[in-house]
Amino acid sequence: MNGGKVMILRRILAVALCLGLVCPVYGAEESKYVALTFDDGPSGRFTRGLLDGLERRGVKATFLLCGYRIKDYPKETKRIYAQGHEIGLHGYSHSCMADMCQEELEREIADTLALLPEGCRPVFLRPPGGKCSETVKEAARRADLGILSWSVDPKDWASHDSRAIEDAVIETVRDGDVILLHDMSDSSVEAALAIVDELREQGFTFVTVSELARLKGRTIEPGRVYTRF
């Protein structure tokens, strides 16, 4: 191709760009990952409804379970695990771990572990209320558990307005966030599923917390507190 033709093609391309007929191609948009976490369960029909909705959407989440509730709802616990969700510990009694001695903490962890489905190996401990202490960290280290906090908290436990819960998450969530919710009410379950639908439209992908850590190149260290990735 001679120089004259090259100049003509360049001019045509320049005009097309100015008119918006040709869009420059950049690198593909980076993926955005978030993790849904659910505290205080399992809780009967609320957990069952949540699991139904997540299964229809092909979404995996992380459930931080209480030992005394696992005893009440063993079928729901087994279903959580069978559907490929991640299970973490939320203590046995849901009492404040920061006020416990080492012996009490170790019993809370051991008693909850003993109730989990065969083959389930938790990676995280989430102290109730997120209240931590050096004693809690030491107990987590001894149990080979990371301590999971959160970065987005819509306080769904205090609201029966599913739309308000949804908006509180949508307005603040970012790539790498850990979202705190509960499977303890209709409004929380409705909000959780609406959050999934809305954030997917915005290009987010939902993964378990362990998967989120791996995708972000993080190795979970026992006794260390993790808020987001």
Foldseek 3Di string as FASTA:
>chain_A
DDPVVVVVVVVVVVVCVVVVVDDDDDDDDDFFEEAEEAEEDDDPPLLVLLLVLCVVVVFAHEYAYAQCRCVVPVVSLVVNVVSPHAYHHAWHPLDAPQPDALVRLLCRVVSSVVSHDPPHDHAAYEYRVNDDDLSNLVSQQVSNHFYEDFDQELPVVVDQALVSSLCSCVVDDGGFGYYYFHSHDPSRSVNVSVNVVVVVVVRYGYDYNVVSCVVVVHDGHGSHYDHTD
